PDB file of N, CA and C in Angstrom:
ATOM      1  N   UNK A   1      17.697  76.922 162.137  1.00  0.00           N
ATOM      2  CA  UNK A   1      18.109  78.312 162.498  1.00  0.00           C
ATOM      3  C   UNK A   1      17.033  79.132 162.544  1.00  0.00           C
ATOM      4  N   UNK A   2      17.413  79.819 163.408  1.00  0.00           N
ATOM      5  CA  UNK A   2      17.210  81.120 163.568  1.00  0.00           C
ATOM      6  C   UNK A   2      17.796  82.374 163.663  1.00  0.00           C
ATOM      7  N   UNK A   3      18.345  82.944 163.474  1.00  0.00           N
ATOM      8  CA  UNK A   3      19.142  84.466 163.147  1.00  0.00           C
ATOM      9  C   UNK A   3      19.094  85.322 163.274  1.00  0.00           C
ATOM     10  N   UNK A   4      18.300  86.887 164.022  1.00  0.00           N
ATOM     11  CA  UNK A   4      18.379  87.537 163.822  1.00  0.00           C
ATOM     12  C   UNK A   4      19.250  88.685 164.274  1.00  0.00           C
ATOM     13  N   UNK A   5      19.119  89.411 164.462  1.00  0.00           N
ATOM     14  CA  UNK A   5      19.843  91.396 164.920  1.00  0.00           C
ATOM     15  C   UNK A   5      18.724  92.160 165.369  1.00  0.00           C
ATOM     16  N   UNK A   6      20.189  92.174 166.483  1.00  0.00           N
ATOM     17  CA  UNK A   6      19.080  92.681 168.326  1.00  0.00           C
ATOM     18  C   UNK A   6      19.277  94.254 167.473  1.00  0.00           C
ATOM     19  N   UNK A   7      19.024  95.142 168.564  1.00  0.00           N
ATOM     20  CA  UNK A   7      18.421  96.645 168.716  1.00  0.00           C
ATOM     21  C   UNK A   7      19.587  96.772 169.008  1.00  0.00           C
ATOM     22  N   UNK A   8      20.304  98.283 168.467  1.00  0.00           N
ATOM     23  CA  UNK A   8      21.637  99.263 168.761  1.00  0.00           C
ATOM     24  C   UNK A   8      21.391  98.971 170.097  1.00  0.00           C
ATOM     25  N   UNK A   9      23.189  98.669 170.596  1.00  0.00           N
ATOM     26  CA  UNK A   9      23.060  99.329 172.202  1.00  0.00           C
ATOM     27  C   UNK A   9      24.283 100.327 172.312  1.00  0.00           C
ATOM     28  N   UNK A  10      24.306 100.521 173.457  1.00  0.00           N
ATOM     29  CA  UNK A  10      25.453 101.503 174.126  1.00  0.00           C
ATOM     30  C   UNK A  10      26.795 100.911 174.383  1.00  0.00           C
ATOM     31  N   UNK A  11      27.820 101.296 173.920  1.00  0.00           N
ATOM     32  CA  UNK A  11      29.045  99.893 174.220  1.00  0.00           C
ATOM     33  C   UNK A  11      30.336 101.359 174.092  1.00  0.00           C
ATOM     34  N   UNK A  12      30.558 101.621 175.070  1.00  0.00           N
ATOM     35  CA  UNK A  12      31.315 102.800 175.808  1.00  0.00           C
ATOM     36  C   UNK A  12      33.134 102.171 175.702  1.00  0.00           C
ATOM     37  N   UNK A  13      32.760 100.809 175.866  1.00  0.00           N
ATOM     38  CA  UNK A  13      34.608 100.286 175.606  1.00  0.00           C
ATOM     39  C   UNK A  13      35.223 100.369 174.340  1.00  0.00           C
ATOM     40  N   UNK A  14      34.720 100.433 173.253  1.00  0.00           N
ATOM     41  CA  UNK A  14      35.430 101.034 172.567  1.00  0.00           C
ATOM     42  C   UNK A  14      35.599 102.402 171.696  1.00  0.00           C
ATOM     43  N   UNK A  15      34.440 103.377 172.070  1.00  0.00           N
ATOM     44  CA  UNK A  15      34.265 104.451 172.456  1.00  0.00           C
ATOM     45  C   UNK A  15      33.781 105.550 170.625  1.00  0.00           C
ATOM     46  N   UNK A  16      33.044 104.039 170.518  1.00  0.00           N
ATOM     47  CA  UNK A  16      32.136 104.095 169.685  1.00  0.00           C
ATOM     48  C   UNK A  16      30.481 104.681 170.577  1.00  0.00           C
ATOM     49  N   UNK A  17      29.048 104.783 169.745  1.00  0.00           N
ATOM     50  CA  UNK A  17      28.167 105.115 169.974  1.00  0.00           C
ATOM     51  C   UNK A  17      27.351 103.941 170.376  1.00  0.00           C
ATOM     52  N   UNK A  18      27.180 102.635 169.069  1.00  0.00           N
ATOM     53  CA  UNK A  18      26.835 101.030 168.959  1.00  0.00           C
ATOM     54  C   UNK A  18      27.360 100.644 168.221  1.00  0.00           C
ATOM     55  N   UNK A  19      26.538  99.081 168.786  1.00  0.00           N
ATOM     56  CA  UNK A  19      27.824  98.271 167.472  1.00  0.00           C
ATOM     57  C   UNK A  19      25.783  97.378 167.426  1.00  0.00           C
ATOM     58  N   UNK A  20      26.114  96.463 166.307  1.00  0.00           N
ATOM     59  CA  UNK A  20      24.777  95.760 166.277  1.00  0.00           C
ATOM     60  C   UNK A  20      25.547  94.527 166.412  1.00  0.00           C
ATOM     61  N   UNK A  21      24.336  94.079 167.745  1.00  0.00           N
ATOM     62  CA  UNK A  21      24.123  93.030 168.001  1.00  0.00           C
ATOM     63  C   UNK A  21      23.983  91.715 167.409  1.00  0.00           C
ATOM     64  N   UNK A  22      24.371  90.442 167.009  1.00  0.00           N
ATOM     65  CA  UNK A  22      23.883  89.598 165.752  1.00  0.00           C
ATOM     66  C   UNK A  22      23.532  88.453 166.959  1.00  0.00           C
ATOM     67  N   UNK A  23      22.971  87.090 166.754  1.00  0.00           N
ATOM     68  CA  UNK A  23      21.799  86.427 168.053  1.00  0.00           C
ATOM     69  C   UNK A  23      21.421  85.439 166.788  1.00  0.00           C
ATOM     70  N   UNK A  24      22.219  84.820 167.357  1.00  0.00           N
ATOM     71  CA  UNK A  24      21.601  83.565 166.298  1.00  0.00           C
ATOM     72  C   UNK A  24      21.243  81.620 166.965  1.00  0.00           C
ATOM     73  N   UNK A  25      20.330  81.004 166.929  1.00  0.00           N
ATOM     74  CA  UNK A  25      19.613  80.202 167.462  1.00  0.00           C
ATOM     75  C   UNK A  25      19.485  78.525 167.050  1.00  0.00           C
ATOM     76  N   UNK A  26      19.891  77.909 167.174  1.00  0.00           N
ATOM     77  CA  UNK A  26      20.648  76.718 166.694  1.00  0.00           C
ATOM     78  C   UNK A  26      19.994  75.158 167.330  1.00  0.00           C
ATOM     79  N   UNK A  27      19.046  73.836 166.956  1.00  0.00           N
ATOM     80  CA  UNK A  27      18.107  73.187 167.392  1.00  0.00           C
ATOM     81  C   UNK A  27      19.411  72.005 167.488  1.00  0.00           C
ATOM     82  N   UNK A  28      20.230  72.404 168.920  1.00  0.00           N
ATOM     83  CA  UNK A  28      21.797  71.163 168.742  1.00  0.00           C
ATOM     84  C   UNK A  28      21.282  69.829 167.676  1.00  0.00           C
ATOM     85  N   UNK A  29      19.463  69.305 167.948  1.00  0.00           N
ATOM     86  CA  UNK A  29      20.147  67.701 166.847  1.00  0.00           C
ATOM     87  C   UNK A  29      20.119  67.659 165.989  1.00  0.00           C
ATOM     88  N   UNK A  30      20.138  69.621 164.787  1.00  0.00           N
ATOM     89  CA  UNK A  30      19.930  69.434 163.857  1.00  0.00           C
ATOM     90  C   UNK A  30      21.407  69.130 163.436  1.00  0.00           C
ATOM     91  N   UNK A  31      22.540  69.266 164.617  1.00  0.00           N
ATOM     92  CA  UNK A  31      23.388  69.334 163.794  1.00  0.00           C
ATOM     93  C   UNK A  31      24.540  67.910 164.042  1.00  0.00           C
ATOM     94  N   UNK A  32      23.720  66.895 164.216  1.00  0.00           N
ATOM     95  CA  UNK A  32      23.974  64.942 164.633  1.00  0.00           C
ATOM     96  C   UNK A  32      24.783  65.356 165.168  1.00  0.00           C
ATOM     97  N   UNK A  33      24.988  65.411 166.003  1.00  0.00           N
ATOM     98  CA  UNK A  33      26.304  64.706 166.850  1.00  0.00           C
ATOM     99  C   UNK A  33      25.714  63.611 167.979  1.00  0.00           C
ATOM    100  N   UNK A  34      26.663  62.820 168.568  1.00  0.00           N
ATOM    101  CA  UNK A  34      27.425  60.928 168.707  1.00  0.00           C
ATOM    102  C   UNK A  34      27.944  61.598 170.280  1.00  0.00           C
ATOM    103  N   UNK A  35      26.631  61.001 170.799  1.00  0.00           N
ATOM    104  CA  UNK A  35      27.586  60.716 172.182  1.00  0.00           C
ATOM    105  C   UNK A  35      28.864  61.523 172.384  1.00  0.00           C
ATOM    106  N   UNK A  36      30.137  61.514 172.584  1.00  0.00           N
ATOM    107  CA  UNK A  36      31.608  61.854 173.142  1.00  0.00           C
ATOM    108  C   UNK A  36      31.246  63.561 172.492  1.00  0.00           C
ATOM    109  N   UNK A  37      30.217  63.630 171.468  1.00  0.00           N
ATOM    110  CA  UNK A  37      30.434  65.098 170.718  1.00  0.00           C
ATOM    111  C   UNK A  37      29.497  66.049 171.289  1.00  0.00           C
ATOM    112  N   UNK A  38      28.743  65.054 171.109  1.00  0.00           N
ATOM    113  CA  UNK A  38      27.004  65.814 172.131  1.00  0.00           C
ATOM    114  C   UNK A  38      27.423  66.393 173.302  1.00  0.00           C
ATOM    115  N   UNK A  39      28.009  65.242 173.810  1.00  0.00           N
ATOM    116  CA  UNK A  39      28.397  66.030 175.406  1.00  0.00           C
ATOM    117  C   UNK A  39      29.638  67.002 175.979  1.00  0.00           C
ATOM    118  N   UNK A  40      30.167  67.017 174.770  1.00  0.00           N
ATOM    119  CA  UNK A  40      31.386  67.889 174.782  1.00  0.00           C
ATOM    120  C   UNK A  40      31.172  69.357 174.849  1.00  0.00           C
ATOM    121  N   UNK A  41      30.322  68.726 173.475  1.00  0.00           N
ATOM    122  CA  UNK A  41      29.022  70.570 172.937  1.00  0.00           C
ATOM    123  C   UNK A  41      29.112  70.692 173.517  1.00  0.00           C
ATOM    124  N   UNK A  42      28.145  70.177 174.492  1.00  0.00           N
ATOM    125  CA  UNK A  42      27.094  71.334 175.727  1.00  0.00           C
ATOM    126  C   UNK A  42      28.228  71.091 176.804  1.00  0.00           C
ATOM    127  N   UNK A  43      29.400  70.862 177.632  1.00  0.00           N
ATOM    128  CA  UNK A  43      30.017  71.866 178.061  1.00  0.00           C
ATOM    129  C   UNK A  43      31.078  72.874 177.807  1.00  0.00           C
ATOM    130  N   UNK A  44      31.144  72.853 175.981  1.00  0.00           N
ATOM    131  CA  UNK A  44      31.332  73.873 175.514  1.00  0.00           C
ATOM    132  C   UNK A  44      31.114  75.109 175.375  1.00  0.00           C
ATOM    133  N   UNK A  45      29.943  75.137 175.497  1.00  0.00           N
ATOM    134  CA  UNK A  45      28.564  75.774 175.074  1.00  0.00           C
ATOM    135  C   UNK A  45      28.094  76.160 176.458  1.00  0.00           C
ATOM    136  N   UNK A  46      28.058  75.511 177.263  1.00  0.00           N
ATOM    137  CA  UNK A  46      27.550  75.965 178.897  1.00  0.00           C
ATOM    138  C   UNK A  46      26.067  76.868 178.778  1.00  0.00           C
ATOM    139  N   UNK A  47      26.140  77.590 179.817  1.00  0.00           N
ATOM    140  CA  UNK A  47      25.276  77.821 180.340  1.00  0.00           C
ATOM    141  C   UNK A  47      23.847  78.615 178.120  1.00  0.00           C
ATOM    142  N   UNK A  48      24.535  78.941 177.674  1.00  0.00           N
ATOM    143  CA  UNK A  48      23.954  78.856 176.287  1.00  0.00           C
ATOM    144  C   UNK A  48      22.790  77.994 175.779  1.00  0.00           C
ATOM    145  N   UNK A  49      23.020  76.696 176.078  1.00  0.00           N
ATOM    146  CA  UNK A  49      21.585  75.830 176.328  1.00  0.00           C
ATOM    147  C   UNK A  49      20.683  76.244 176.500  1.00  0.00           C
ATOM    148  N   UNK A  50      19.789  76.105 176.103  1.00  0.00           N
ATOM    149  CA  UNK A  50      17.864  75.704 176.342  1.00  0.00           C
ATOM    150  C   UNK A  50      17.760  74.203 176.387  1.00  0.00           C
ATOM    151  N   UNK A  51      17.448  73.193 177.847  1.00  0.00           N
ATOM    152  CA  UNK A  51      17.444  71.738 177.262  1.00  0.00           C
ATOM    153  C   UNK A  51      16.286  72.078 177.280  1.00  0.00           C
ATOM    154  N   UNK A  52      15.021  72.816 177.384  1.00  0.00           N
ATOM    155  CA  UNK A  52      13.780  72.008 177.447  1.00  0.00           C
ATOM    156  C   UNK A  52      13.283  72.446 176.577  1.00  0.00           C
ATOM    157  N   UNK A  53      13.944  73.178 174.474  1.00  0.00           N
ATOM    158  CA  UNK A  53      14.021  73.863 173.978  1.00  0.00           C
ATOM    159  C   UNK A  53      14.905  73.199 172.689  1.00  0.00           C
ATOM    160  N   UNK A  54      15.714  72.794 173.122  1.00  0.00           N
ATOM    161  CA  UNK A  54      17.574  72.091 172.653  1.00  0.00           C
ATOM    162  C   UNK A  54      18.258  73.082 171.656  1.00  0.00           C
ATOM    163  N   UNK A  55      17.395  74.116 171.980  1.00  0.00           N
ATOM    164  CA  UNK A  55      17.981  76.068 171.459  1.00  0.00           C
ATOM    165  C   UNK A  55      19.584  75.792 172.361  1.00  0.00           C
ATOM    166  N   UNK A  56      20.586  76.449 171.303  1.00  0.00           N
ATOM    167  CA  UNK A  56      21.752  77.172 171.802  1.00  0.00           C
ATOM    168  C   UNK A  56      21.870  78.302 171.366  1.00  0.00           C
ATOM    169  N   UNK A  57      22.069  79.684 172.143  1.00  0.00           N
ATOM    170  CA  UNK A  57      22.394  81.111 171.394  1.00  0.00           C
ATOM    171  C   UNK A  57      23.563  81.374 171.755  1.00  0.00           C
ATOM    172  N   UNK A  58      24.173  81.744 170.113  1.00  0.00           N
ATOM    173  CA  UNK A  58      25.482  82.397 170.298  1.00  0.00           C
ATOM    174  C   UNK A  58      25.409  83.837 169.724  1.00  0.00           C
ATOM    175  N   UNK A  59      25.308  84.997 170.914  1.00  0.00           N
ATOM    176  CA  UNK A  59      25.174  86.251 170.725  1.00  0.00           C
ATOM    177  C   UNK A  59      27.323  86.790 170.141  1.00  0.00           C
ATOM    178  N   UNK A  60      26.795  87.866 169.142  1.00  0.00           N
ATOM    179  CA  UNK A  60      28.151  88.685 168.903  1.00  0.00           C
ATOM    180  C   UNK A  60      27.425  89.928 169.330  1.00  0.00           C
ATOM    181  N   UNK A  61      28.673  90.194 169.778  1.00  0.00           N
ATOM    182  CA  UNK A  61      28.783  92.027 169.888  1.00  0.00           C
ATOM    183  C   UNK A  61      29.874  92.584 169.610  1.00  0.00           C
ATOM    184  N   UNK A  62      30.937  91.777 169.318  1.00  0.00           N
ATOM    185  CA  UNK A  62      32.567  92.239 169.646  1.00  0.00           C
ATOM    186  C   UNK A  62      32.649  92.511 168.667  1.00  0.00           C
ATOM    187  N   UNK A  63      32.047  93.579 167.391  1.00  0.00           N
ATOM    188  CA  UNK A  63      32.340  94.310 166.336  1.00  0.00           C
ATOM    189  C   UNK A  63      32.379  94.412 165.521  1.00  0.00           C
ATOM    190  N   UNK A  64      32.158  95.676 165.443  1.00  0.00           N
ATOM    191  CA  UNK A  64      30.742  97.015 164.858  1.00  0.00           C
ATOM    192  C   UNK A  64      30.502  97.120 163.546  1.00  0.00           C
ATOM    193  N   UNK A  65      30.710  95.907 162.825  1.00  0.00           N
ATOM    194  CA  UNK A  65      29.723  95.579 161.812  1.00  0.00           C
ATOM    195  C   UNK A  65      29.252  94.565 161.955  1.00  0.00           C
ATOM    196  N   UNK A  66      27.635  94.929 160.786  1.00  0.00           N
ATOM    197  CA  UNK A  66      26.803  93.706 161.108  1.00  0.00           C
ATOM    198  C   UNK A  66      26.603  92.775 160.203  1.00  0.00           C
ATOM    199  N   UNK A  67      27.690  92.179 159.408  1.00  0.00           N
ATOM    200  CA  UNK A  67      28.069  91.607 158.345  1.00  0.00           C
ATOM    201  C   UNK A  67      29.560  90.290 158.850  1.00  0.00           C
ATOM    202  N   UNK A  68      30.534  91.893 160.373  1.00  0.00           N
ATOM    203  CA  UNK A  68      31.344  90.956 160.566  1.00  0.00           C
ATOM    204  C   UNK A  68      30.747  90.203 161.992  1.00  0.00           C
ATOM    205  N   UNK A  69      30.390  90.769 162.343  1.00  0.00           N
ATOM    206  CA  UNK A  69      29.455  89.912 163.153  1.00  0.00           C
ATOM    207  C   UNK A  69      28.698  88.812 163.312  1.00  0.00           C
ATOM    208  N   UNK A  70      28.172  88.458 162.065  1.00  0.00           N
ATOM    209  CA  UNK A  70      27.743  86.868 161.295  1.00  0.00           C
ATOM    210  C   UNK A  70      28.941  86.636 161.214  1.00  0.00           C
ATOM    211  N   UNK A  71      29.765  86.475 160.210  1.00  0.00           N
ATOM    212  CA  UNK A  71      30.770  86.388 160.638  1.00  0.00           C
ATOM    213  C   UNK A  71      30.869  85.536 160.884  1.00  0.00           C
ATOM    214  N   UNK A  72      31.545  86.872 162.250  1.00  0.00           N
ATOM    215  CA  UNK A  72      32.684  85.418 163.326  1.00  0.00           C
ATOM    216  C   UNK A  72      31.283  84.898 163.990  1.00  0.00           C
ATOM    217  N   UNK A  73      29.963  84.704 163.791  1.00  0.00           N
ATOM    218  CA  UNK A  73      29.066  84.265 164.342  1.00  0.00           C
ATOM    219  C   UNK A  73      29.438  81.912 164.159  1.00  0.00           C
ATOM    220  N   UNK A  74      29.669  82.946 162.401  1.00  0.00           N
ATOM    221  CA  UNK A  74      29.761  81.192 161.417  1.00  0.00           C
ATOM    222  C   UNK A  74      30.661  80.881 162.289  1.00  0.00           C
ATOM    223  N   UNK A  75      31.744  81.495 162.474  1.00  0.00           N
ATOM    224  CA  UNK A  75      32.876  80.716 162.501  1.00  0.00           C
ATOM    225  C   UNK A  75      33.226  80.061 164.726  1.00  0.00           C
ATOM    226  N   UNK A  76      32.357  80.400 164.963  1.00  0.00           N
ATOM    227  CA  UNK A  76      32.224  80.300 166.342  1.00  0.00           C
ATOM    228  C   UNK A  76      31.288  79.141 166.013  1.00  0.00           C
ATOM    229  N   UNK A  77      30.688  78.531 165.235  1.00  0.00           N
ATOM    230  CA  UNK A  77      29.600  77.458 164.808  1.00  0.00           C
ATOM    231  C   UNK A  77      30.618  76.482 164.884  1.00  0.00           C
ATOM    232  N   UNK A  78      31.064  76.420 163.402  1.00  0.00           N
ATOM    233  CA  UNK A  78      32.518  75.946 162.636  1.00  0.00           C
ATOM    234  C   UNK A  78      33.636  75.317 164.459  1.00  0.00           C
ATOM    235  N   UNK A  79      33.605  76.140 164.677  1.00  0.00           N
ATOM    236  CA  UNK A  79      35.122  76.131 165.746  1.00  0.00           C
ATOM    237  C   UNK A  79      34.469  75.545 167.174  1.00  0.00           C
ATOM    238  N   UNK A  80      33.418  75.707 167.446  1.00  0.00           N
ATOM    239  CA  UNK A  80      33.036  74.667 168.747  1.00  0.00           C
ATOM    240  C   UNK A  80      32.462  73.103 167.889  1.00  0.00           C
ATOM    241  N   UNK A  81      31.483  73.527 166.776  1.00  0.00           N
ATOM    242  CA  UNK A  81      30.863  72.069 166.227  1.00  0.00           C
ATOM    243  C   UNK A  81      32.380  70.556 165.727  1.00  0.00           C
ATOM    244  N   UNK A  82      33.599  71.707 165.066  1.00  0.00           N
ATOM    245  CA  UNK A  82      34.802  71.271 165.496  1.00  0.00           C
ATOM    246  C   UNK A  82      35.609  69.968 166.404  1.00  0.00           C
ATOM    247  N   UNK A  83      35.382  71.161 167.136  1.00  0.00           N
ATOM    248  CA  UNK A  83      35.843  71.200 168.425  1.00  0.00           C
ATOM    249  C   UNK A  83      35.545  69.876 169.296  1.00  0.00           C
ATOM    250  N   UNK A  84      33.836  70.067 169.276  1.00  0.00           N
ATOM    251  CA  UNK A  84      33.783  69.507 169.334  1.00  0.00           C
ATOM    252  C   UNK A  84      33.668  67.598 169.079  1.00  0.00           C
ATOM    253  N   UNK A  85      33.922  67.246 168.727  1.00  0.00           N
ATOM    254  CA  UNK A  85      34.077  66.297 167.408  1.00  0.00           C
ATOM    255  C   UNK A  85      36.011  65.865 167.644  1.00  0.00           C
ATOM    256  N   UNK A  86      36.657  66.554 167.892  1.00  0.00           N
ATOM    257  CA  UNK A  86      37.906  66.122 168.875  1.00  0.00           C
ATOM    258  C   UNK A  86      38.345  65.575 169.334  1.00  0.00           C
ATOM    259  N   UNK A  87      38.656  64.279 169.784  1.00  0.00           N
ATOM    260  CA  UNK A  87      38.443  63.084 170.317  1.00  0.00           C
ATOM    261  C   UNK A  87      39.725  63.325 171.532  1.00  0.00           C
ATOM    262  N   UNK A  88      39.793  63.309 173.627  1.00  0.00           N
ATOM    263  CA  UNK A  88      40.428  63.503 174.065  1.00  0.00           C
ATOM    264  C   UNK A  88      41.337  62.752 174.224  1.00  0.00           C
ATOM    265  N   UNK A  89      42.954  62.049 174.134  1.00  0.00           N
ATOM    266  CA  UNK A  89      43.056  61.146 174.625  1.00  0.00           C
ATOM    267  C   UNK A  89      43.910  61.887 175.886  1.00  0.00           C
ATOM    268  N   UNK A  90      44.805  60.453 177.122  1.00  0.00           N
ATOM    269  CA  UNK A  90      44.927  61.076 177.817  1.00  0.00           C
ATOM    270  C   UNK A  90      46.221  59.931 178.289  1.00  0.00           C
ATOM    271  N   UNK A  91      47.236  60.643 178.606  1.00  0.00           N
ATOM    272  CA  UNK A  91      48.252  60.592 178.228  1.00  0.00           C
ATOM    273  C   UNK A  91      48.745  59.709 179.433  1.00  0.00           C
TER     274      UNK A  91
END
């Protein structure tokens, strides 16, 4: 897993000058997903997945603090992982 902080960016929507962007790149094969879970995970992450490199990228910039963006990225990763393992049953 690669994680890095990007440069400061202007955020006019929050009446603050800057927000710190956190980016996390994860190799999909490191998650050990099988069949249905892998397919559902790819549908959930959509265009954030890069097929040739087998990496998907999470970018968080919604929180004003670096630690908050880091924690939010980990939360998103956990939510995506667990949701992809849930099997959809049709009634």
